Amino acid sequence: MIQHVLAAPLSITALAERMGVTQQASSKAVADLERRGLVRREPGPADARTKLLHLTGHAIAAVEATRALRAELQDELVAEYGAGRVDDAQALLASVIDRFGGGDAIRARRVRPRAELPPA
């Protein structure tokens, strides 16, 4: 959810559409993120009745820390296995995800939390 708001402030309705969930599910998740100090609601510039979601400094710092850790892990994997093998592994994993229909959801950042997935 954070990645959607990172790109630009969104309404809860727009967030729900992007994530492919109901507005109720989106509202519940936003309330949780608000309690954790990761998002805040502000009036929209065109219509004060519309509240747009904005990331807090805490959320932006978390995103930056995650990006740094991901880059560090990538560097470690390349150092241990070589760039070619790491690239091949990433391509294989992407292919497996596509094979099972998850590629579009990942690319659109609409991966649902495990609790919302239908039973296997």
N, C-alpha and C. Protein backbone atom coordinates (compact mmCIF):
# COMPACT_ATOMS: atom_id res chain seq x y z
N MET A 1 0.82 -1.18 0.00
CA MET A 1 0.00 0.00 0.00
C MET A 1 0.86 1.25 0.00
N ILE A 2 1.93 1.23 0.77
CA ILE A 2 2.79 2.40 0.87
C ILE A 2 3.35 2.79 -0.50
N GLN A 3 3.70 1.80 -1.32
CA GLN A 3 4.27 2.10 -2.62
C GLN A 3 3.32 2.89 -3.50
N HIS A 4 2.00 2.70 -3.34
CA HIS A 4 1.04 3.45 -4.14
C HIS A 4 1.01 4.91 -3.72
N VAL A 5 1.06 5.15 -2.43
CA VAL A 5 1.01 6.51 -1.90
C VAL A 5 2.36 7.21 -2.12
N LEU A 6 3.43 6.43 -2.19
CA LEU A 6 4.76 6.99 -2.41
C LEU A 6 4.81 7.74 -3.75
N ALA A 7 4.15 7.21 -4.75
CA ALA A 7 4.16 7.82 -6.08
C ALA A 7 3.46 9.18 -6.09
N ALA A 8 2.35 9.30 -5.38
CA ALA A 8 1.59 10.55 -5.32
C ALA A 8 0.48 10.38 -4.29
N PRO A 9 0.05 11.47 -3.67
CA PRO A 9 -1.07 11.37 -2.73
C PRO A 9 -2.31 10.80 -3.43
N LEU A 10 -3.03 9.94 -2.72
CA LEU A 10 -4.21 9.29 -3.28
C LEU A 10 -5.37 9.36 -2.30
N SER A 11 -6.58 9.28 -2.84
CA SER A 11 -7.75 9.09 -1.98
C SER A 11 -7.85 7.61 -1.62
N ILE A 12 -8.62 7.31 -0.61
CA ILE A 12 -8.82 5.90 -0.23
C ILE A 12 -9.48 5.14 -1.38
N THR A 13 -10.40 5.79 -2.08
CA THR A 13 -11.07 5.15 -3.20
C THR A 13 -10.07 4.80 -4.30
N ALA A 14 -9.20 5.74 -4.65
CA ALA A 14 -8.19 5.47 -5.69
C ALA A 14 -7.23 4.39 -5.23
N LEU A 15 -6.87 4.40 -3.96
CA LEU A 15 -5.97 3.38 -3.42
C LEU A 15 -6.62 2.00 -3.53
N ALA A 16 -7.89 1.90 -3.17
CA ALA A 16 -8.59 0.62 -3.26
C ALA A 16 -8.62 0.11 -4.70
N GLU A 17 -8.86 1.01 -5.65
CA GLU A 17 -8.89 0.61 -7.06
C GLU A 17 -7.53 0.09 -7.51
N ARG A 18 -6.47 0.80 -7.14
CA ARG A 18 -5.13 0.38 -7.54
C ARG A 18 -4.74 -0.96 -6.94
N MET A 19 -5.20 -1.20 -5.71
CA MET A 19 -4.83 -2.44 -5.03
C MET A 19 -5.76 -3.59 -5.38
N GLY A 20 -6.89 -3.28 -6.01
CA GLY A 20 -7.84 -4.32 -6.36
C GLY A 20 -8.58 -4.88 -5.16
N VAL A 21 -8.85 -4.02 -4.17
CA VAL A 21 -9.59 -4.43 -2.98
C VAL A 21 -10.78 -3.50 -2.81
N THR A 22 -11.64 -3.84 -1.87
CA THR A 22 -12.79 -2.99 -1.60
C THR A 22 -12.36 -1.71 -0.89
N GLN A 23 -13.21 -0.71 -0.96
CA GLN A 23 -12.93 0.54 -0.25
C GLN A 23 -12.87 0.29 1.25
N GLN A 24 -13.70 -0.61 1.73
CA GLN A 24 -13.70 -0.96 3.15
C GLN A 24 -12.35 -1.56 3.56
N ALA A 25 -11.82 -2.47 2.77
CA ALA A 25 -10.52 -3.06 3.08
C ALA A 25 -9.42 -2.01 3.05
N SER A 26 -9.49 -1.12 2.08
CA SER A 26 -8.51 -0.05 1.98
C SER A 26 -8.60 0.88 3.19
N SER A 27 -9.80 1.23 3.59
CA SER A 27 -10.00 2.11 4.76
C SER A 27 -9.44 1.48 6.03
N LYS A 28 -9.66 0.20 6.18
CA LYS A 28 -9.15 -0.51 7.36
C LYS A 28 -7.63 -0.50 7.39
N ALA A 29 -7.02 -0.76 6.24
CA ALA A 29 -5.56 -0.76 6.17
C ALA A 29 -5.00 0.63 6.41
N VAL A 30 -5.65 1.66 5.86
CA VAL A 30 -5.20 3.04 6.06
C VAL A 30 -5.29 3.42 7.53
N ALA A 31 -6.37 3.03 8.19
CA ALA A 31 -6.51 3.33 9.62
C ALA A 31 -5.37 2.70 10.42
N ASP A 32 -4.98 1.50 10.05
CA ASP A 32 -3.87 0.83 10.73
C ASP A 32 -2.56 1.59 10.48
N LEU A 33 -2.33 2.00 9.24
CA LEU A 33 -1.12 2.75 8.92
C LEU A 33 -1.10 4.11 9.61
N GLU A 34 -2.26 4.71 9.76
CA GLU A 34 -2.34 5.98 10.50
C GLU A 34 -1.94 5.77 11.96
N ARG A 35 -2.47 4.72 12.57
CA ARG A 35 -2.14 4.43 13.97
C ARG A 35 -0.64 4.19 14.14
N ARG A 36 -0.02 3.65 13.13
CA ARG A 36 1.42 3.37 13.17
C ARG A 36 2.27 4.59 12.79
N GLY A 37 1.62 5.69 12.42
CA GLY A 37 2.34 6.90 12.08
C GLY A 37 2.98 6.88 10.71
N LEU A 38 2.41 6.11 9.77
CA LEU A 38 3.00 5.98 8.44
C LEU A 38 2.29 6.81 7.38
N VAL A 39 1.01 7.08 7.57
CA VAL A 39 0.27 7.93 6.63
C VAL A 39 -0.55 8.96 7.41
N ARG A 40 -0.88 10.03 6.70
CA ARG A 40 -1.78 11.04 7.26
C ARG A 40 -2.75 11.45 6.16
N ARG A 41 -3.92 11.91 6.56
CA ARG A 41 -4.92 12.38 5.60
C ARG A 41 -4.91 13.90 5.61
N GLU A 42 -4.95 14.47 4.41
CA GLU A 42 -5.00 15.92 4.26
C GLU A 42 -6.07 16.26 3.23
N PRO A 43 -6.71 17.43 3.39
CA PRO A 43 -7.72 17.82 2.39
C PRO A 43 -7.11 17.94 1.01
N GLY A 44 -7.86 17.51 -0.01
CA GLY A 44 -7.40 17.63 -1.39
C GLY A 44 -7.42 19.07 -1.84
N PRO A 45 -6.53 19.46 -2.74
CA PRO A 45 -6.46 20.86 -3.17
C PRO A 45 -7.70 21.32 -3.95
N ALA A 46 -8.33 20.41 -4.68
CA ALA A 46 -9.50 20.78 -5.49
C ALA A 46 -10.79 20.71 -4.70
N ASP A 47 -10.85 19.85 -3.69
CA ASP A 47 -12.07 19.65 -2.91
C ASP A 47 -11.67 19.24 -1.50
N ALA A 48 -11.88 20.12 -0.54
CA ALA A 48 -11.47 19.87 0.85
C ALA A 48 -12.20 18.68 1.46
N ARG A 49 -13.34 18.28 0.86
CA ARG A 49 -14.06 17.11 1.40
C ARG A 49 -13.32 15.82 1.08
N THR A 50 -12.55 15.85 0.01
CA THR A 50 -11.75 14.67 -0.36
C THR A 50 -10.46 14.70 0.45
N LYS A 51 -10.20 13.61 1.13
CA LYS A 51 -8.96 13.50 1.91
C LYS A 51 -7.97 12.67 1.12
N LEU A 52 -6.78 13.21 0.98
CA LEU A 52 -5.72 12.49 0.28
C LEU A 52 -4.73 11.94 1.28
N LEU A 53 -4.22 10.77 0.97
CA LEU A 53 -3.25 10.11 1.83
C LEU A 53 -1.85 10.57 1.47
N HIS A 54 -1.07 10.90 2.48
CA HIS A 54 0.31 11.31 2.31
C HIS A 54 1.17 10.46 3.24
N LEU A 55 2.36 10.12 2.81
CA LEU A 55 3.28 9.40 3.67
C LEU A 55 3.91 10.36 4.67
N THR A 56 4.15 9.87 5.87
CA THR A 56 4.84 10.66 6.88
C THR A 56 6.35 10.50 6.67
N GLY A 57 7.10 11.31 7.37
CA GLY A 57 8.56 11.19 7.31
C GLY A 57 9.02 9.82 7.76
N HIS A 58 8.32 9.26 8.75
CA HIS A 58 8.65 7.92 9.24
C HIS A 58 8.50 6.88 8.13
N ALA A 59 7.44 6.97 7.35
CA ALA A 59 7.21 6.02 6.25
C ALA A 59 8.26 6.19 5.16
N ILE A 60 8.59 7.42 4.82
CA ILE A 60 9.60 7.66 3.79
C ILE A 60 10.95 7.13 4.24
N ALA A 61 11.28 7.32 5.51
CA ALA A 61 12.53 6.78 6.05
C ALA A 61 12.54 5.26 5.98
N ALA A 62 11.39 4.64 6.25
CA ALA A 62 11.30 3.17 6.18
C ALA A 62 11.50 2.69 4.74
N VAL A 63 10.93 3.39 3.78
CA VAL A 63 11.11 3.04 2.37
C VAL A 63 12.58 3.15 1.99
N GLU A 64 13.21 4.24 2.38
CA GLU A 64 14.63 4.43 2.05
C GLU A 64 15.50 3.35 2.71
N ALA A 65 15.19 3.00 3.95
CA ALA A 65 15.96 1.95 4.64
C ALA A 65 15.77 0.61 3.94
N THR A 66 14.56 0.32 3.53
CA THR A 66 14.28 -0.93 2.82
C THR A 66 15.02 -0.99 1.49
N ARG A 67 15.04 0.12 0.77
CA ARG A 67 15.77 0.17 -0.50
C ARG A 67 17.26 -0.07 -0.27
N ALA A 68 17.80 0.52 0.78
CA ALA A 68 19.22 0.34 1.08
C ALA A 68 19.52 -1.12 1.43
N LEU A 69 18.65 -1.74 2.21
CA LEU A 69 18.85 -3.15 2.57
C LEU A 69 18.75 -4.06 1.35
N ARG A 70 17.80 -3.75 0.48
CA ARG A 70 17.64 -4.54 -0.73
C ARG A 70 18.88 -4.43 -1.62
N ALA A 71 19.44 -3.23 -1.74
CA ALA A 71 20.66 -3.03 -2.54
C ALA A 71 21.84 -3.77 -1.90
N GLU A 72 21.90 -3.74 -0.58
CA GLU A 72 22.97 -4.44 0.13
C GLU A 72 22.87 -5.95 -0.10
N LEU A 73 21.66 -6.48 -0.01
CA LEU A 73 21.46 -7.91 -0.26
C LEU A 73 21.82 -8.27 -1.69
N GLN A 74 21.42 -7.43 -2.64
CA GLN A 74 21.76 -7.67 -4.04
C GLN A 74 23.28 -7.72 -4.21
N ASP A 75 23.96 -6.78 -3.59
CA ASP A 75 25.44 -6.76 -3.69
C ASP A 75 26.05 -8.02 -3.08
N GLU A 76 25.50 -8.47 -1.94
CA GLU A 76 26.02 -9.69 -1.31
C GLU A 76 25.81 -10.90 -2.21
N LEU A 77 24.63 -11.00 -2.80
CA LEU A 77 24.35 -12.14 -3.68
C LEU A 77 25.26 -12.13 -4.89
N VAL A 78 25.46 -10.96 -5.49
CA VAL A 78 26.35 -10.85 -6.66
C VAL A 78 27.77 -11.21 -6.27
N ALA A 79 28.21 -10.75 -5.10
CA ALA A 79 29.58 -11.06 -4.66
C ALA A 79 29.76 -12.56 -4.45
N GLU A 80 28.73 -13.22 -3.93
CA GLU A 80 28.86 -14.65 -3.63
C GLU A 80 28.63 -15.54 -4.85
N TYR A 81 27.65 -15.17 -5.69
CA TYR A 81 27.26 -16.06 -6.79
C TYR A 81 27.58 -15.53 -8.18
N GLY A 82 27.89 -14.27 -8.30
CA GLY A 82 28.15 -13.66 -9.59
C GLY A 82 26.89 -13.06 -10.19
N ALA A 83 27.08 -11.99 -10.93
CA ALA A 83 25.94 -11.25 -11.49
C ALA A 83 25.09 -12.11 -12.43
N GLY A 84 25.75 -12.93 -13.24
CA GLY A 84 25.00 -13.77 -14.19
C GLY A 84 24.06 -14.74 -13.50
N ARG A 85 24.55 -15.41 -12.46
CA ARG A 85 23.71 -16.38 -11.75
C ARG A 85 22.56 -15.68 -11.02
N VAL A 86 22.85 -14.52 -10.45
CA VAL A 86 21.79 -13.77 -9.76
C VAL A 86 20.74 -13.31 -10.76
N ASP A 87 21.18 -12.81 -11.90
CA ASP A 87 20.22 -12.40 -12.95
C ASP A 87 19.39 -13.59 -13.41
N ASP A 88 20.04 -14.74 -13.60
CA ASP A 88 19.32 -15.95 -14.02
C ASP A 88 18.29 -16.37 -12.96
N ALA A 89 18.67 -16.30 -11.69
CA ALA A 89 17.76 -16.68 -10.61
C ALA A 89 16.56 -15.74 -10.58
N GLN A 90 16.81 -14.44 -10.75
CA GLN A 90 15.70 -13.48 -10.76
C GLN A 90 14.77 -13.74 -11.93
N ALA A 91 15.33 -14.03 -13.09
CA ALA A 91 14.52 -14.32 -14.27
C ALA A 91 13.69 -15.59 -14.05
N LEU A 92 14.29 -16.61 -13.45
CA LEU A 92 13.57 -17.85 -13.17
C LEU A 92 12.42 -17.59 -12.19
N LEU A 93 12.69 -16.87 -11.14
CA LEU A 93 11.63 -16.57 -10.17
C LEU A 93 10.50 -15.77 -10.81
N ALA A 94 10.84 -14.80 -11.64
CA ALA A 94 9.81 -14.01 -12.33
C ALA A 94 8.98 -14.91 -13.24
N SER A 95 9.63 -15.85 -13.89
CA SER A 95 8.93 -16.78 -14.77
C SER A 95 7.97 -17.68 -13.99
N VAL A 96 8.42 -18.16 -12.83
CA VAL A 96 7.57 -18.99 -11.99
C VAL A 96 6.36 -18.19 -11.50
N ILE A 97 6.60 -16.97 -11.08
CA ILE A 97 5.49 -16.12 -10.62
C ILE A 97 4.50 -15.89 -11.75
N ASP A 98 5.00 -15.61 -12.96
CA ASP A 98 4.11 -15.42 -14.12
C ASP A 98 3.34 -16.70 -14.43
N ARG A 99 4.02 -17.83 -14.32
CA ARG A 99 3.38 -19.13 -14.59
C ARG A 99 2.15 -19.35 -13.73
N PHE A 100 2.20 -18.85 -12.50
CA PHE A 100 1.08 -19.03 -11.58
C PHE A 100 0.19 -17.80 -11.49
N GLY A 101 0.34 -16.88 -12.44
CA GLY A 101 -0.59 -15.76 -12.55
C GLY A 101 -0.34 -14.59 -11.61
N GLY A 102 0.83 -14.51 -11.02
CA GLY A 102 1.06 -13.43 -10.07
C GLY A 102 1.84 -12.25 -10.61
N GLY A 103 2.34 -12.35 -11.82
CA GLY A 103 3.19 -11.29 -12.37
C GLY A 103 2.51 -9.95 -12.47
N ASP A 104 1.30 -9.93 -13.01
CA ASP A 104 0.59 -8.65 -13.17
C ASP A 104 0.32 -8.00 -11.82
N ALA A 105 -0.07 -8.81 -10.83
CA ALA A 105 -0.35 -8.26 -9.49
C ALA A 105 0.91 -7.66 -8.88
N ILE A 106 2.04 -8.31 -9.08
CA ILE A 106 3.29 -7.79 -8.52
C ILE A 106 3.69 -6.51 -9.24
N ARG A 107 3.61 -6.52 -10.56
CA ARG A 107 3.99 -5.32 -11.31
C ARG A 107 3.08 -4.15 -10.98
N ALA A 108 1.81 -4.42 -10.72
CA ALA A 108 0.86 -3.35 -10.37
C ALA A 108 0.86 -3.06 -8.87
N ARG A 109 1.67 -3.81 -8.13
CA ARG A 109 1.76 -3.64 -6.67
C ARG A 109 0.40 -3.87 -6.01
N ARG A 110 -0.27 -4.93 -6.46
CA ARG A 110 -1.57 -5.28 -5.92
C ARG A 110 -1.54 -6.64 -5.23
N VAL A 111 -0.43 -6.99 -4.65
CA VAL A 111 -0.33 -8.27 -3.98
C VAL A 111 -1.08 -8.17 -2.66
N ARG A 112 -2.04 -9.03 -2.48
CA ARG A 112 -2.87 -8.99 -1.27
C ARG A 112 -2.15 -9.64 -0.11
N PRO A 113 -2.38 -9.11 1.09
CA PRO A 113 -1.82 -9.78 2.27
C PRO A 113 -2.35 -11.21 2.37
N ARG A 114 -1.58 -12.09 2.97
CA ARG A 114 -1.94 -13.50 3.06
C ARG A 114 -3.33 -13.69 3.65
N ALA A 115 -3.73 -12.89 4.62
CA ALA A 115 -5.04 -13.03 5.25
C ALA A 115 -6.18 -12.80 4.28
N GLU A 116 -5.94 -12.06 3.18
CA GLU A 116 -7.00 -11.78 2.23
C GLU A 116 -7.02 -12.74 1.05
N LEU A 117 -6.07 -13.65 0.98
CA LEU A 117 -6.03 -14.58 -0.14
C LEU A 117 -7.09 -15.65 0.03
N PRO A 118 -7.68 -16.10 -1.07
CA PRO A 118 -8.65 -17.18 -0.98
C PRO A 118 -7.95 -18.48 -0.56
N PRO A 119 -8.67 -19.39 0.08
CA PRO A 119 -8.03 -20.64 0.50
C PRO A 119 -7.49 -21.41 -0.69
N ALA A 120 -6.39 -22.12 -0.47
CA ALA A 120 -5.74 -22.88 -1.54
C ALA A 120 -6.50 -24.15 -1.86
